[in-house]
Amino acid sequence: MQTDPEATVRELLAAQGIAPPDDEITAMAQSYPGLRASADALYLPEAEAYLPAFASPTVDLANFDLEAR
């Protein structure tokens, strides 16, 4: 699933009541995909042991077998 980094950054900031200028949002949006990938690489491998609570978007939860872990 491809998402728009600028829209994601705007939503995250709005959820916290933060409204920076557009040029700052653009700068944040440029670094967001790399930051998100780094965070996923750090936490998702370990968190997947606790599925379905911390499922990666690529995990097929409908066919996931918790007993197989």
PDB file of N, CA and C in Angstrom:
ATOM      1  N   MET A   1       0.842  -1.172   0.000  1.00  0.00           N
ATOM      2  CA  MET A   1       0.000   0.000   0.000  1.00  0.00           C
ATOM      3  C   MET A   1       0.892   1.241   0.000  1.00  0.00           C
ATOM      4  N   GLN A   2       0.774   2.042  -1.000  1.00  0.00           N
ATOM      5  CA  GLN A   2       1.548   3.274  -1.116  1.00  0.00           C
ATOM      6  C   GLN A   2       0.751   4.420  -0.502  1.00  0.00           C
ATOM      7  N   THR A   3       1.419   5.201   0.350  1.00  0.00           N
ATOM      8  CA  THR A   3       0.742   6.329   0.964  1.00  0.00           C
ATOM      9  C   THR A   3       1.468   7.617   0.611  1.00  0.00           C
ATOM     10  N   ASP A   4       0.799   8.707   0.768  1.00  0.00           N
ATOM     11  CA  ASP A   4       1.364  10.025   0.509  1.00  0.00           C
ATOM     12  C   ASP A   4       2.049  10.501   1.788  1.00  0.00           C
ATOM     13  N   PRO A   5       3.393  10.619   1.787  1.00  0.00           N
ATOM     14  CA  PRO A   5       4.098  11.016   3.011  1.00  0.00           C
ATOM     15  C   PRO A   5       3.639  12.372   3.556  1.00  0.00           C
ATOM     16  N   GLU A   6       3.348  13.322   2.679  1.00  0.00           N
ATOM     17  CA  GLU A   6       2.927  14.632   3.163  1.00  0.00           C
ATOM     18  C   GLU A   6       1.580  14.551   3.861  1.00  0.00           C
ATOM     19  N   ALA A   7       0.665  13.777   3.310  1.00  0.00           N
ATOM     20  CA  ALA A   7      -0.640  13.616   3.950  1.00  0.00           C
ATOM     21  C   ALA A   7      -0.486  12.918   5.300  1.00  0.00           C
ATOM     22  N   THR A   8       0.395  11.928   5.367  1.00  0.00           N
ATOM     23  CA  THR A   8       0.630  11.216   6.620  1.00  0.00           C
ATOM     24  C   THR A   8       1.207  12.147   7.676  1.00  0.00           C
ATOM     25  N   VAL A   9       2.208  12.949   7.282  1.00  0.00           N
ATOM     26  CA  VAL A   9       2.815  13.890   8.222  1.00  0.00           C
ATOM     27  C   VAL A   9       1.774  14.890   8.709  1.00  0.00           C
ATOM     28  N   ARG A  10       0.962  15.397   7.803  1.00  0.00           N
ATOM     29  CA  ARG A  10      -0.083  16.357   8.197  1.00  0.00           C
ATOM     30  C   ARG A  10      -1.053  15.722   9.206  1.00  0.00           C
ATOM     31  N   GLU A  11      -1.455  14.478   8.953  1.00  0.00           N
ATOM     32  CA  GLU A  11      -2.388  13.799   9.851  1.00  0.00           C
ATOM     33  C   GLU A  11      -1.767  13.566  11.230  1.00  0.00           C
ATOM     34  N   LEU A  12      -0.501  13.143  11.247  1.00  0.00           N
ATOM     35  CA  LEU A  12       0.167  12.907  12.521  1.00  0.00           C
ATOM     36  C   LEU A  12       0.302  14.194  13.327  1.00  0.00           C
ATOM     37  N   LEU A  13       0.677  15.271  12.657  1.00  0.00           N
ATOM     38  CA  LEU A  13       0.808  16.547  13.345  1.00  0.00           C
ATOM     39  C   LEU A  13      -0.550  17.070  13.813  1.00  0.00           C
ATOM     40  N   ALA A  14      -1.560  16.959  12.967  1.00  0.00           N
ATOM     41  CA  ALA A  14      -2.896  17.431  13.324  1.00  0.00           C
ATOM     42  C   ALA A  14      -3.452  16.665  14.524  1.00  0.00           C
ATOM     43  N   ALA A  15      -3.136  15.371  14.592  1.00  0.00           N
ATOM     44  CA  ALA A  15      -3.614  14.561  15.718  1.00  0.00           C
ATOM     45  C   ALA A  15      -3.053  15.068  17.043  1.00  0.00           C
ATOM     46  N   GLN A  16      -1.901  15.725  16.979  1.00  0.00           N
ATOM     47  CA  GLN A  16      -1.290  16.274  18.184  1.00  0.00           C
ATOM     48  C   GLN A  16      -1.547  17.767  18.348  1.00  0.00           C
ATOM     49  N   GLY A  17      -2.325  18.332  17.434  1.00  0.00           N
ATOM     50  CA  GLY A  17      -2.650  19.751  17.515  1.00  0.00           C
ATOM     51  C   GLY A  17      -1.506  20.654  17.092  1.00  0.00           C
ATOM     52  N   ILE A  18      -0.608  20.138  16.259  1.00  0.00           N
ATOM     53  CA  ILE A  18       0.548  20.904  15.798  1.00  0.00           C
ATOM     54  C   ILE A  18       0.290  21.354  14.372  1.00  0.00           C
ATOM     55  N   ALA A  19       0.494  22.634  14.095  1.00  0.00           N
ATOM     56  CA  ALA A  19       0.243  23.186  12.762  1.00  0.00           C
ATOM     57  C   ALA A  19       1.438  24.019  12.286  1.00  0.00           C
ATOM     58  N   PRO A  20       2.530  23.346  11.883  1.00  0.00           N
ATOM     59  CA  PRO A  20       3.686  24.093  11.408  1.00  0.00           C
ATOM     60  C   PRO A  20       3.431  24.657  10.004  1.00  0.00           C
ATOM     61  N   PRO A  21       4.286  25.573   9.549  1.00  0.00           N
ATOM     62  CA  PRO A  21       4.140  26.121   8.200  1.00  0.00           C
ATOM     63  C   PRO A  21       4.317  25.028   7.133  1.00  0.00           C
ATOM     64  N   ASP A  22       3.774  25.292   5.954  1.00  0.00           N
ATOM     65  CA  ASP A  22       3.830  24.308   4.869  1.00  0.00           C
ATOM     66  C   ASP A  22       5.249  23.901   4.503  1.00  0.00           C
ATOM     67  N   ASP A  23       6.212  24.841   4.539  1.00  0.00           N
ATOM     68  CA  ASP A  23       7.580  24.474   4.164  1.00  0.00           C
ATOM     69  C   ASP A  23       8.188  23.480   5.161  1.00  0.00           C
ATOM     70  N   GLU A  24       7.821  23.582   6.414  1.00  0.00           N
ATOM     71  CA  GLU A  24       8.307  22.624   7.410  1.00  0.00           C
ATOM     72  C   GLU A  24       7.655  21.262   7.217  1.00  0.00           C
ATOM     73  N   ILE A  25       6.386  21.253   6.874  1.00  0.00           N
ATOM     74  CA  ILE A  25       5.698  19.986   6.606  1.00  0.00           C
ATOM     75  C   ILE A  25       6.328  19.303   5.401  1.00  0.00           C
ATOM     76  N   THR A  26       6.633  20.065   4.366  1.00  0.00           N
ATOM     77  CA  THR A  26       7.275  19.503   3.175  1.00  0.00           C
ATOM     78  C   THR A  26       8.620  18.877   3.537  1.00  0.00           C
ATOM     79  N   ALA A  27       9.400  19.563   4.360  1.00  0.00           N
ATOM     80  CA  ALA A  27      10.695  19.024   4.785  1.00  0.00           C
ATOM     81  C   ALA A  27      10.521  17.742   5.599  1.00  0.00           C
ATOM     82  N   MET A  28       9.547  17.720   6.494  1.00  0.00           N
ATOM     83  CA  MET A  28       9.286  16.518   7.291  1.00  0.00           C
ATOM     84  C   MET A  28       8.828  15.372   6.405  1.00  0.00           C
ATOM     85  N   ALA A  29       8.003  15.676   5.412  1.00  0.00           N
ATOM     86  CA  ALA A  29       7.478  14.651   4.518  1.00  0.00           C
ATOM     87  C   ALA A  29       8.592  14.011   3.695  1.00  0.00           C
ATOM     88  N   GLN A  30       9.624  14.766   3.380  1.00  0.00           N
ATOM     89  CA  GLN A  30      10.736  14.210   2.611  1.00  0.00           C
ATOM     90  C   GLN A  30      11.513  13.175   3.422  1.00  0.00           C
ATOM     91  N   SER A  31      11.612  13.379   4.723  1.00  0.00           N
ATOM     92  CA  SER A  31      12.364  12.434   5.546  1.00  0.00           C
ATOM     93  C   SER A  31      11.489  11.336   6.147  1.00  0.00           C
ATOM     94  N   TYR A  32      10.176  11.479   6.088  1.00  0.00           N
ATOM     95  CA  TYR A  32       9.272  10.521   6.732  1.00  0.00           C
ATOM     96  C   TYR A  32       9.427   9.084   6.219  1.00  0.00           C
ATOM     97  N   PRO A  33       9.477   8.834   4.903  1.00  0.00           N
ATOM     98  CA  PRO A  33       9.579   7.427   4.460  1.00  0.00           C
ATOM     99  C   PRO A  33      10.817   6.709   5.016  1.00  0.00           C
ATOM    100  N   GLY A  34      11.956   7.378   5.037  1.00  0.00           N
ATOM    101  CA  GLY A  34      13.166   6.762   5.580  1.00  0.00           C
ATOM    102  C   GLY A  34      13.070   6.530   7.074  1.00  0.00           C
ATOM    103  N   LEU A  35      12.512   7.499   7.782  1.00  0.00           N
ATOM    104  CA  LEU A  35      12.334   7.372   9.228  1.00  0.00           C
ATOM    105  C   LEU A  35      11.375   6.229   9.553  1.00  0.00           C
ATOM    106  N   ARG A  36      10.297   6.141   8.794  1.00  0.00           N
ATOM    107  CA  ARG A  36       9.311   5.078   9.015  1.00  0.00           C
ATOM    108  C   ARG A  36       9.916   3.711   8.753  1.00  0.00           C
ATOM    109  N   ALA A  37      10.687   3.592   7.667  1.00  0.00           N
ATOM    110  CA  ALA A  37      11.331   2.315   7.339  1.00  0.00           C
ATOM    111  C   ALA A  37      12.322   1.915   8.427  1.00  0.00           C
ATOM    112  N   SER A  38      13.052   2.878   8.962  1.00  0.00           N
ATOM    113  CA  SER A  38      14.006   2.587  10.038  1.00  0.00           C
ATOM    114  C   SER A  38      13.288   2.105  11.294  1.00  0.00           C
ATOM    115  N   ALA A  39      12.201   2.770  11.642  1.00  0.00           N
ATOM    116  CA  ALA A  39      11.435   2.361  12.822  1.00  0.00           C
ATOM    117  C   ALA A  39      10.847   0.969  12.632  1.00  0.00           C
ATOM    118  N   ASP A  40      10.322   0.698  11.451  1.00  0.00           N
ATOM    119  CA  ASP A  40       9.775  -0.635  11.181  1.00  0.00           C
ATOM    120  C   ASP A  40      10.854  -1.705  11.282  1.00  0.00           C
ATOM    121  N   ALA A  41      12.035  -1.412  10.766  1.00  0.00           N
ATOM    122  CA  ALA A  41      13.124  -2.384  10.806  1.00  0.00           C
ATOM    123  C   ALA A  41      13.559  -2.681  12.241  1.00  0.00           C
ATOM    124  N   LEU A  42      13.456  -1.685  13.111  1.00  0.00           N
ATOM    125  CA  LEU A  42      13.854  -1.892  14.505  1.00  0.00           C
ATOM    126  C   LEU A  42      12.853  -2.713  15.292  1.00  0.00           C
ATOM    127  N   TYR A  43      11.570  -2.486  15.076  1.00  0.00           N
ATOM    128  CA  TYR A  43      10.564  -3.052  15.965  1.00  0.00           C
ATOM    129  C   TYR A  43       9.697  -4.158  15.391  1.00  0.00           C
ATOM    130  N   LEU A  44       9.426  -4.167  14.121  1.00  0.00           N
ATOM    131  CA  LEU A  44       8.483  -5.154  13.602  1.00  0.00           C
ATOM    132  C   LEU A  44       8.955  -6.600  13.718  1.00  0.00           C
ATOM    133  N   PRO A  45      10.229  -6.921  13.502  1.00  0.00           N
ATOM    134  CA  PRO A  45      10.605  -8.337  13.641  1.00  0.00           C
ATOM    135  C   PRO A  45      10.297  -8.887  15.031  1.00  0.00           C
ATOM    136  N   GLU A  46      10.567  -8.127  16.079  1.00  0.00           N
ATOM    137  CA  GLU A  46      10.294  -8.594  17.425  1.00  0.00           C
ATOM    138  C   GLU A  46       8.803  -8.550  17.750  1.00  0.00           C
ATOM    139  N   ALA A  47       8.129  -7.521  17.287  1.00  0.00           N
ATOM    140  CA  ALA A  47       6.718  -7.352  17.612  1.00  0.00           C
ATOM    141  C   ALA A  47       5.837  -8.390  16.935  1.00  0.00           C
ATOM    142  N   GLU A  48       6.287  -8.941  15.819  1.00  0.00           N
ATOM    143  CA  GLU A  48       5.457  -9.920  15.118  1.00  0.00           C
ATOM    144  C   GLU A  48       5.254 -11.185  15.950  1.00  0.00           C
ATOM    145  N   ALA A  49       6.070 -11.399  16.966  1.00  0.00           N
ATOM    146  CA  ALA A  49       5.871 -12.545  17.848  1.00  0.00           C
ATOM    147  C   ALA A  49       4.582 -12.395  18.655  1.00  0.00           C
ATOM    148  N   TYR A  50       4.066 -11.177  18.718  1.00  0.00           N
ATOM    149  CA  TYR A  50       2.854 -10.900  19.494  1.00  0.00           C
ATOM    150  C   TYR A  50       1.659 -10.610  18.595  1.00  0.00           C
ATOM    151  N   LEU A  51       1.655 -11.177  17.416  1.00  0.00           N
ATOM    152  CA  LEU A  51       0.541 -10.976  16.501  1.00  0.00           C
ATOM    153  C   LEU A  51      -0.754 -11.422  17.157  1.00  0.00           C
ATOM    154  N   PRO A  52      -1.854 -10.871  16.773  1.00  0.00           N
ATOM    155  CA  PRO A  52      -2.058  -9.862  15.745  1.00  0.00           C
ATOM    156  C   PRO A  52      -1.941  -8.431  16.238  1.00  0.00           C
ATOM    157  N   ALA A  53      -1.604  -8.210  17.496  1.00  0.00           N
ATOM    158  CA  ALA A  53      -1.591  -6.846  18.029  1.00  0.00           C
ATOM    159  C   ALA A  53      -0.612  -5.926  17.314  1.00  0.00           C
ATOM    160  N   PHE A  54       0.538  -6.442  16.899  1.00  0.00           N
ATOM    161  CA  PHE A  54       1.554  -5.609  16.270  1.00  0.00           C
ATOM    162  C   PHE A  54       1.893  -6.140  14.888  1.00  0.00           C
ATOM    163  N   ALA A  55       0.900  -6.295  14.061  1.00  0.00           N
ATOM    164  CA  ALA A  55       1.099  -6.906  12.749  1.00  0.00           C
ATOM    165  C   ALA A  55       1.673  -5.922  11.742  1.00  0.00           C
ATOM    166  N   SER A  56       2.633  -6.394  11.004  1.00  0.00           N
ATOM    167  CA  SER A  56       3.157  -5.655   9.863  1.00  0.00           C
ATOM    168  C   SER A  56       2.070  -5.594   8.799  1.00  0.00           C
ATOM    169  N   PRO A  57       2.051  -4.550   7.964  1.00  0.00           N
ATOM    170  CA  PRO A  57       1.036  -4.481   6.912  1.00  0.00           C
ATOM    171  C   PRO A  57       1.132  -5.626   5.912  1.00  0.00           C
ATOM    172  N   THR A  58       2.272  -6.318   5.872  1.00  0.00           N
ATOM    173  CA  THR A  58       2.448  -7.408   4.913  1.00  0.00           C
ATOM    174  C   THR A  58       2.003  -8.763   5.451  1.00  0.00           C
ATOM    175  N   VAL A  59       1.652  -8.848   6.717  1.00  0.00           N
ATOM    176  CA  VAL A  59       1.232 -10.112   7.311  1.00  0.00           C
ATOM    177  C   VAL A  59      -0.212 -10.408   6.949  1.00  0.00           C
ATOM    178  N   ASP A  60      -0.448 -11.634   6.519  1.00  0.00           N
ATOM    179  CA  ASP A  60      -1.801 -12.069   6.178  1.00  0.00           C
ATOM    180  C   ASP A  60      -2.461 -12.604   7.454  1.00  0.00           C
ATOM    181  N   LEU A  61      -3.133 -11.723   8.193  1.00  0.00           N
ATOM    182  CA  LEU A  61      -3.712 -12.114   9.477  1.00  0.00           C
ATOM    183  C   LEU A  61      -4.799 -13.165   9.338  1.00  0.00           C
ATOM    184  N   ALA A  62      -5.522 -13.146   8.242  1.00  0.00           N
ATOM    185  CA  ALA A  62      -6.596 -14.114   8.065  1.00  0.00           C
ATOM    186  C   ALA A  62      -6.056 -15.547   8.025  1.00  0.00           C
ATOM    187  N   ASN A  63      -4.810 -15.713   7.581  1.00  0.00           N
ATOM    188  CA  ASN A  63      -4.229 -17.043   7.469  1.00  0.00           C
ATOM    189  C   ASN A  63      -3.032 -17.242   8.395  1.00  0.00           C
ATOM    190  N   PHE A  64      -2.883 -16.391   9.394  1.00  0.00           N
ATOM    191  CA  PHE A  64      -1.744 -16.478  10.289  1.00  0.00           C
ATOM    192  C   PHE A  64      -1.987 -17.534  11.346  1.00  0.00           C
ATOM    193  N   ASP A  65      -1.003 -18.369  11.565  1.00  0.00           N
ATOM    194  CA  ASP A  65      -1.112 -19.464  12.533  1.00  0.00           C
ATOM    195  C   ASP A  65      -0.255 -19.130  13.757  1.00  0.00           C
ATOM    196  N   LEU A  66      -0.890 -18.721  14.859  1.00  0.00           N
ATOM    197  CA  LEU A  66      -0.145 -18.381  16.067  1.00  0.00           C
ATOM    198  C   LEU A  66       0.589 -19.580  16.656  1.00  0.00           C
ATOM    199  N   GLU A  67       0.047 -20.753  16.478  1.00  0.00           N
ATOM    200  CA  GLU A  67       0.670 -21.963  17.034  1.00  0.00           C
ATOM    201  C   GLU A  67       1.949 -22.321  16.303  1.00  0.00           C
ATOM    202  N   ALA A  68       2.117 -21.875  15.075  1.00  0.00           N
ATOM    203  CA  ALA A  68       3.310 -22.202  14.294  1.00  0.00           C
ATOM    204  C   ALA A  68       4.537 -21.457  14.784  1.00  0.00           C
ATOM    205  N   ARG A  69       4.376 -20.402  15.531  1.00  0.00           N
ATOM    206  CA  ARG A  69       5.519 -19.619  16.034  1.00  0.00           C
ATOM    207  C   ARG A  69       6.189 -20.402  17.080  1.00  0.00           C
TER     208      ARG A  69
END
